[in-house]
Amino acid sequence: MSAPKQQTMKPQTAARKLGVLLAATPAEFQDGAVSREQLGDLQANPPEWLAELRRNGPHPRPEVARRLGVSVSGLARGGVTEPLTTDEIKALLEEMPPWLAAERRTQAEVRQENARLKARDAERAQQAEI
């Protein structure tokens, strides 16, 4: 009997799962397929290049949005279309341009509304059990 074939993913998918920008990864990572086992090992024991990318960037847009406390759409509305480094993100937070303050307020409102709806739905489900 032959051993089961190992599942692999494209480097772009692996980079997304690791939360890093593919273009900033080493060439050997970009050029080959990544197995699920390799991905698990990278997540559990990140090599120095991965730890450095996570620490200092450049970061992909979803990570930039998370660090700024806005949505990816909010980044686009603010004109941020390129990956940013950790220092650039800190500078934006210190400067707090009007678009960023507005997007952070919007994101906070969305989170509050989602929490309210979740609590309402949980209450309804509890009442339905009675």
N, C-alpha and C. Protein backbone atom coordinates (compact mmCIF):
# COMPACT_ATOMS: atom_id res chain seq x y z
N MET A 1 0.83 -1.19 0.00
CA MET A 1 0.00 0.00 0.00
C MET A 1 0.87 1.25 0.00
N SER A 2 0.42 2.25 -0.71
CA SER A 2 1.17 3.50 -0.74
C SER A 2 0.70 4.42 0.38
N ALA A 3 1.59 5.26 0.80
CA ALA A 3 1.27 6.22 1.86
C ALA A 3 0.30 7.26 1.32
N PRO A 4 -0.58 7.78 2.17
CA PRO A 4 -1.51 8.81 1.69
C PRO A 4 -0.75 10.05 1.22
N LYS A 5 -1.27 10.65 0.15
CA LYS A 5 -0.64 11.83 -0.41
C LYS A 5 -0.84 13.01 0.54
N GLN A 6 0.24 13.74 0.77
CA GLN A 6 0.19 14.87 1.68
C GLN A 6 -0.50 16.07 1.01
N GLN A 7 -1.42 16.71 1.73
CA GLN A 7 -2.10 17.88 1.19
C GLN A 7 -1.17 19.08 1.26
N THR A 8 -1.17 19.85 0.18
CA THR A 8 -0.34 21.04 0.13
C THR A 8 -1.20 22.24 -0.26
N MET A 9 -0.63 23.42 -0.04
CA MET A 9 -1.33 24.65 -0.42
C MET A 9 -0.32 25.56 -1.11
N LYS A 10 -0.87 26.51 -1.83
CA LYS A 10 -0.02 27.48 -2.51
C LYS A 10 0.63 28.38 -1.47
N PRO A 11 1.79 28.92 -1.80
CA PRO A 11 2.45 29.83 -0.86
C PRO A 11 1.58 31.02 -0.46
N GLN A 12 0.77 31.53 -1.39
CA GLN A 12 -0.11 32.67 -1.09
C GLN A 12 -1.10 32.30 0.02
N THR A 13 -1.66 31.11 -0.05
CA THR A 13 -2.60 30.65 0.97
C THR A 13 -1.90 30.48 2.31
N ALA A 14 -0.72 29.90 2.29
CA ALA A 14 0.03 29.71 3.52
C ALA A 14 0.40 31.05 4.15
N ALA A 15 0.81 32.01 3.33
CA ALA A 15 1.16 33.34 3.84
C ALA A 15 -0.06 34.00 4.48
N ARG A 16 -1.22 33.86 3.86
CA ARG A 16 -2.45 34.43 4.41
C ARG A 16 -2.77 33.79 5.75
N LYS A 17 -2.62 32.47 5.85
CA LYS A 17 -2.89 31.78 7.10
C LYS A 17 -1.89 32.16 8.19
N LEU A 18 -0.68 32.52 7.79
CA LEU A 18 0.35 32.94 8.74
C LEU A 18 0.24 34.43 9.08
N GLY A 19 -0.57 35.16 8.32
CA GLY A 19 -0.75 36.58 8.58
C GLY A 19 0.41 37.45 8.12
N VAL A 20 1.09 37.01 7.05
CA VAL A 20 2.22 37.77 6.54
C VAL A 20 2.03 38.05 5.05
N LEU A 21 2.79 39.01 4.55
CA LEU A 21 2.75 39.39 3.15
C LEU A 21 3.65 38.45 2.36
N LEU A 22 3.11 37.78 1.35
CA LEU A 22 3.89 36.80 0.58
C LEU A 22 5.15 37.42 -0.02
N ALA A 23 5.04 38.62 -0.55
CA ALA A 23 6.20 39.26 -1.20
C ALA A 23 7.36 39.49 -0.24
N ALA A 24 7.08 39.53 1.06
CA ALA A 24 8.14 39.78 2.05
C ALA A 24 8.76 38.49 2.57
N THR A 25 8.23 37.34 2.18
CA THR A 25 8.76 36.07 2.66
C THR A 25 9.99 35.66 1.85
N PRO A 26 10.81 34.76 2.38
CA PRO A 26 11.99 34.30 1.63
C PRO A 26 11.60 33.59 0.33
N ALA A 27 12.51 33.61 -0.62
CA ALA A 27 12.26 33.03 -1.94
C ALA A 27 11.90 31.55 -1.85
N GLU A 28 12.55 30.79 -0.96
CA GLU A 28 12.24 29.36 -0.86
C GLU A 28 10.80 29.13 -0.39
N PHE A 29 10.25 30.05 0.40
CA PHE A 29 8.85 29.93 0.82
C PHE A 29 7.93 30.26 -0.35
N GLN A 30 8.27 31.29 -1.12
CA GLN A 30 7.44 31.73 -2.24
C GLN A 30 7.42 30.74 -3.39
N ASP A 31 8.49 29.97 -3.54
CA ASP A 31 8.63 29.11 -4.72
C ASP A 31 8.01 27.73 -4.59
N GLY A 32 7.76 27.26 -3.37
CA GLY A 32 7.28 25.89 -3.24
C GLY A 32 5.94 25.80 -2.56
N ALA A 33 5.32 24.64 -2.74
CA ALA A 33 4.06 24.37 -2.06
C ALA A 33 4.34 24.11 -0.59
N VAL A 34 3.36 24.41 0.26
CA VAL A 34 3.52 24.23 1.71
C VAL A 34 2.53 23.17 2.16
N SER A 35 3.04 22.14 2.84
CA SER A 35 2.15 21.09 3.33
C SER A 35 1.48 21.56 4.61
N ARG A 36 0.41 20.90 4.98
CA ARG A 36 -0.29 21.23 6.22
C ARG A 36 0.64 21.02 7.42
N GLU A 37 1.47 20.00 7.33
CA GLU A 37 2.43 19.71 8.40
C GLU A 37 3.44 20.85 8.53
N GLN A 38 3.95 21.32 7.38
CA GLN A 38 4.90 22.44 7.40
C GLN A 38 4.24 23.70 7.96
N LEU A 39 3.00 23.96 7.57
CA LEU A 39 2.28 25.13 8.07
C LEU A 39 2.12 25.05 9.58
N GLY A 40 1.74 23.88 10.07
CA GLY A 40 1.59 23.69 11.51
C GLY A 40 2.90 23.93 12.24
N ASP A 41 3.99 23.47 11.64
CA ASP A 41 5.30 23.67 12.25
C ASP A 41 5.69 25.14 12.24
N LEU A 42 5.39 25.86 11.15
CA LEU A 42 5.68 27.28 11.08
C LEU A 42 4.87 28.05 12.12
N GLN A 43 3.62 27.64 12.35
CA GLN A 43 2.78 28.31 13.34
C GLN A 43 3.26 28.02 14.76
N ALA A 44 3.66 26.78 15.02
CA ALA A 44 4.07 26.38 16.36
C ALA A 44 5.48 26.87 16.70
N ASN A 45 6.37 26.80 15.74
CA ASN A 45 7.78 27.18 15.95
C ASN A 45 8.22 28.12 14.84
N PRO A 46 7.78 29.37 14.87
CA PRO A 46 8.12 30.27 13.75
C PRO A 46 9.62 30.53 13.65
N PRO A 47 10.18 30.41 12.43
CA PRO A 47 11.58 30.74 12.24
C PRO A 47 11.77 32.26 12.41
N GLU A 48 13.00 32.69 12.48
CA GLU A 48 13.30 34.11 12.74
C GLU A 48 12.68 35.02 11.68
N TRP A 49 12.72 34.62 10.40
CA TRP A 49 12.16 35.49 9.36
C TRP A 49 10.67 35.70 9.55
N LEU A 50 9.96 34.67 10.00
CA LEU A 50 8.52 34.78 10.23
C LEU A 50 8.23 35.65 11.45
N ALA A 51 8.97 35.43 12.51
CA ALA A 51 8.80 36.24 13.72
C ALA A 51 9.08 37.71 13.42
N GLU A 52 10.10 37.97 12.62
CA GLU A 52 10.46 39.35 12.25
C GLU A 52 9.36 39.99 11.41
N LEU A 53 8.82 39.24 10.44
CA LEU A 53 7.73 39.77 9.61
C LEU A 53 6.50 40.08 10.45
N ARG A 54 6.16 39.20 11.38
CA ARG A 54 4.99 39.43 12.23
C ARG A 54 5.21 40.63 13.14
N ARG A 55 6.44 40.83 13.55
CA ARG A 55 6.77 41.93 14.47
C ARG A 55 6.81 43.28 13.76
N ASN A 56 7.52 43.32 12.63
CA ASN A 56 7.81 44.61 11.99
C ASN A 56 7.18 44.83 10.62
N GLY A 57 6.67 43.78 9.99
CA GLY A 57 6.03 43.94 8.70
C GLY A 57 7.03 43.93 7.56
N PRO A 58 6.60 44.27 6.38
CA PRO A 58 5.32 44.87 6.03
C PRO A 58 4.16 43.89 6.25
N HIS A 59 3.04 44.45 6.68
CA HIS A 59 1.87 43.65 7.01
C HIS A 59 0.84 43.71 5.89
N PRO A 60 0.11 42.60 5.66
CA PRO A 60 -0.97 42.62 4.67
C PRO A 60 -2.13 43.47 5.18
N ARG A 61 -2.99 43.87 4.29
CA ARG A 61 -4.09 44.78 4.64
C ARG A 61 -4.97 44.28 5.79
N PRO A 62 -5.34 43.00 5.86
CA PRO A 62 -6.16 42.58 7.01
C PRO A 62 -5.45 42.81 8.35
N GLU A 63 -4.15 42.61 8.38
CA GLU A 63 -3.39 42.83 9.62
C GLU A 63 -3.26 44.33 9.91
N VAL A 64 -3.06 45.13 8.88
CA VAL A 64 -3.01 46.59 9.06
C VAL A 64 -4.34 47.07 9.63
N ALA A 65 -5.43 46.58 9.07
CA ALA A 65 -6.76 46.98 9.54
C ALA A 65 -6.95 46.58 11.00
N ARG A 66 -6.56 45.37 11.36
CA ARG A 66 -6.71 44.90 12.73
C ARG A 66 -5.92 45.78 13.69
N ARG A 67 -4.68 46.08 13.32
CA ARG A 67 -3.83 46.88 14.19
C ARG A 67 -4.32 48.32 14.32
N LEU A 68 -4.97 48.83 13.29
CA LEU A 68 -5.50 50.19 13.35
C LEU A 68 -6.90 50.23 13.97
N GLY A 69 -7.53 49.08 14.11
CA GLY A 69 -8.87 49.03 14.69
C GLY A 69 -9.96 49.47 13.73
N VAL A 70 -9.76 49.17 12.45
CA VAL A 70 -10.73 49.52 11.42
C VAL A 70 -10.98 48.30 10.53
N SER A 71 -11.92 48.43 9.61
CA SER A 71 -12.16 47.35 8.65
C SER A 71 -11.24 47.53 7.44
N VAL A 72 -11.13 46.48 6.64
CA VAL A 72 -10.33 46.57 5.41
C VAL A 72 -10.97 47.60 4.48
N SER A 73 -12.30 47.65 4.46
CA SER A 73 -12.99 48.66 3.65
C SER A 73 -12.66 50.06 4.14
N GLY A 74 -12.56 50.20 5.47
CA GLY A 74 -12.20 51.49 6.05
C GLY A 74 -10.82 51.94 5.61
N LEU A 75 -9.90 50.98 5.49
CA LEU A 75 -8.56 51.31 4.98
C LEU A 75 -8.66 51.88 3.57
N ALA A 76 -9.45 51.21 2.74
CA ALA A 76 -9.60 51.66 1.35
C ALA A 76 -10.22 53.05 1.30
N ARG A 77 -11.25 53.28 2.14
CA ARG A 77 -11.87 54.60 2.17
C ARG A 77 -10.87 55.66 2.62
N GLY A 78 -9.93 55.28 3.48
CA GLY A 78 -8.91 56.20 3.95
C GLY A 78 -7.74 56.36 3.00
N GLY A 79 -7.74 55.61 1.91
CA GLY A 79 -6.69 55.73 0.91
C GLY A 79 -5.48 54.85 1.18
N VAL A 80 -5.57 53.95 2.14
CA VAL A 80 -4.45 53.05 2.45
C VAL A 80 -4.63 51.79 1.61
N THR A 81 -3.81 51.66 0.59
CA THR A 81 -3.93 50.51 -0.32
C THR A 81 -2.68 49.65 -0.31
N GLU A 82 -1.61 50.14 0.26
CA GLU A 82 -0.34 49.42 0.28
C GLU A 82 -0.11 48.78 1.65
N PRO A 83 0.70 47.73 1.70
CA PRO A 83 1.08 47.16 3.00
C PRO A 83 1.84 48.19 3.81
N LEU A 84 1.68 48.14 5.13
CA LEU A 84 2.38 49.07 6.02
C LEU A 84 3.25 48.31 6.99
N THR A 85 4.32 48.97 7.45
CA THR A 85 5.16 48.39 8.48
C THR A 85 4.59 48.75 9.84
N THR A 86 5.10 48.11 10.87
CA THR A 86 4.66 48.40 12.23
C THR A 86 4.91 49.87 12.57
N ASP A 87 6.05 50.41 12.17
CA ASP A 87 6.37 51.81 12.45
C ASP A 87 5.39 52.75 11.75
N GLU A 88 5.01 52.44 10.52
CA GLU A 88 4.04 53.27 9.79
C GLU A 88 2.67 53.21 10.46
N ILE A 89 2.30 52.05 10.96
CA ILE A 89 1.03 51.90 11.66
C ILE A 89 1.04 52.73 12.94
N LYS A 90 2.14 52.65 13.70
CA LYS A 90 2.26 53.44 14.94
C LYS A 90 2.20 54.93 14.63
N ALA A 91 2.84 55.36 13.55
CA ALA A 91 2.82 56.77 13.18
C ALA A 91 1.40 57.21 12.85
N LEU A 92 0.65 56.38 12.14
CA LEU A 92 -0.75 56.71 11.83
C LEU A 92 -1.58 56.83 13.10
N LEU A 93 -1.37 55.92 14.04
CA LEU A 93 -2.12 55.95 15.29
C LEU A 93 -1.78 57.20 16.11
N GLU A 94 -0.52 57.61 16.09
CA GLU A 94 -0.12 58.81 16.80
C GLU A 94 -0.67 60.07 16.14
N GLU A 95 -0.64 60.09 14.81
CA GLU A 95 -1.14 61.23 14.05
C GLU A 95 -2.66 61.31 14.11
N MET A 96 -3.32 60.15 14.09
CA MET A 96 -4.77 60.00 14.10
C MET A 96 -5.46 60.98 13.13
N PRO A 97 -5.24 60.74 11.81
CA PRO A 97 -5.91 61.60 10.83
C PRO A 97 -7.43 61.47 10.96
N PRO A 98 -8.17 62.45 10.50
CA PRO A 98 -9.64 62.43 10.65
C PRO A 98 -10.30 61.17 10.11
N TRP A 99 -9.82 60.66 8.96
CA TRP A 99 -10.44 59.47 8.39
C TRP A 99 -10.27 58.28 9.32
N LEU A 100 -9.10 58.18 9.99
CA LEU A 100 -8.85 57.05 10.87
C LEU A 100 -9.72 57.13 12.13
N ALA A 101 -9.85 58.32 12.68
CA ALA A 101 -10.71 58.50 13.86
C ALA A 101 -12.15 58.13 13.51
N ALA A 102 -12.62 58.56 12.36
CA ALA A 102 -14.00 58.26 11.93
C ALA A 102 -14.19 56.76 11.72
N GLU A 103 -13.22 56.11 11.08
CA GLU A 103 -13.33 54.67 10.82
C GLU A 103 -13.26 53.87 12.12
N ARG A 104 -12.45 54.32 13.07
CA ARG A 104 -12.38 53.63 14.37
C ARG A 104 -13.72 53.74 15.11
N ARG A 105 -14.36 54.93 15.03
CA ARG A 105 -15.68 55.10 15.64
C ARG A 105 -16.70 54.17 14.98
N THR A 106 -16.66 54.12 13.66
CA THR A 106 -17.58 53.26 12.92
C THR A 106 -17.37 51.80 13.31
N GLN A 107 -16.13 51.37 13.38
CA GLN A 107 -15.83 49.99 13.74
C GLN A 107 -16.30 49.69 15.16
N ALA A 108 -16.14 50.62 16.08
CA ALA A 108 -16.60 50.43 17.46
C ALA A 108 -18.12 50.30 17.50
N GLU A 109 -18.81 51.11 16.70
CA GLU A 109 -20.28 51.02 16.64
C GLU A 109 -20.72 49.67 16.08
N VAL A 110 -20.03 49.19 15.06
CA VAL A 110 -20.36 47.90 14.46
C VAL A 110 -20.16 46.79 15.49
N ARG A 111 -19.07 46.84 16.24
CA ARG A 111 -18.83 45.83 17.27
C ARG A 111 -19.91 45.87 18.35
N GLN A 112 -20.31 47.07 18.77
CA GLN A 112 -21.37 47.19 19.77
C GLN A 112 -22.68 46.60 19.25
N GLU A 113 -23.01 46.92 18.02
CA GLU A 113 -24.25 46.41 17.44
C GLU A 113 -24.21 44.89 17.32
N ASN A 114 -23.06 44.34 16.90
CA ASN A 114 -22.94 42.89 16.81
C ASN A 114 -23.08 42.23 18.17
N ALA A 115 -22.53 42.84 19.20
CA ALA A 115 -22.65 42.31 20.56
C ALA A 115 -24.11 42.36 21.02
N ARG A 116 -24.80 43.46 20.70
CA ARG A 116 -26.21 43.60 21.07
C ARG A 116 -27.05 42.53 20.39
N LEU A 117 -26.80 42.30 19.11
CA LEU A 117 -27.56 41.29 18.37
C LEU A 117 -27.27 39.88 18.88
N LYS A 118 -26.04 39.63 19.23
CA LYS A 118 -25.67 38.32 19.76
C LYS A 118 -26.38 38.07 21.10
N ALA A 119 -26.40 39.08 21.96
CA ALA A 119 -27.08 38.96 23.25
C ALA A 119 -28.58 38.78 23.05
N ARG A 120 -29.15 39.52 22.11
CA ARG A 120 -30.59 39.39 21.81
C ARG A 120 -30.91 37.99 21.32
N ASP A 121 -30.09 37.48 20.41
CA ASP A 121 -30.33 36.15 19.86
C ASP A 121 -30.18 35.07 20.93
N ALA A 122 -29.21 35.24 21.83
CA ALA A 122 -29.02 34.28 22.91
C ALA A 122 -30.22 34.30 23.85
N GLU A 123 -30.75 35.49 24.13
CA GLU A 123 -31.93 35.60 24.98
C GLU A 123 -33.14 34.94 24.33
N ARG A 124 -33.31 35.17 23.04
CA ARG A 124 -34.42 34.56 22.30
C ARG A 124 -34.30 33.02 22.31
N ALA A 125 -33.09 32.52 22.13
CA ALA A 125 -32.87 31.08 22.12
C ALA A 125 -33.17 30.50 23.49
N GLN A 126 -32.81 31.20 24.52
CA GLN A 126 -33.07 30.75 25.89
C GLN A 126 -34.57 30.73 26.16
N GLN A 127 -35.28 31.73 25.70
CA GLN A 127 -36.73 31.79 25.90
C GLN A 127 -37.43 30.70 25.10
N ALA A 128 -36.89 30.36 23.95
CA ALA A 128 -37.50 29.31 23.12
C ALA A 128 -37.37 27.95 23.78
N GLU A 129 -36.33 27.77 24.60
CA GLU A 129 -36.13 26.49 25.28
C GLU A 129 -37.11 26.30 26.41
N ILE A 130 -37.63 27.38 26.93
CA ILE A 130 -38.53 27.30 28.09
C ILE A 130 -39.88 26.78 27.72
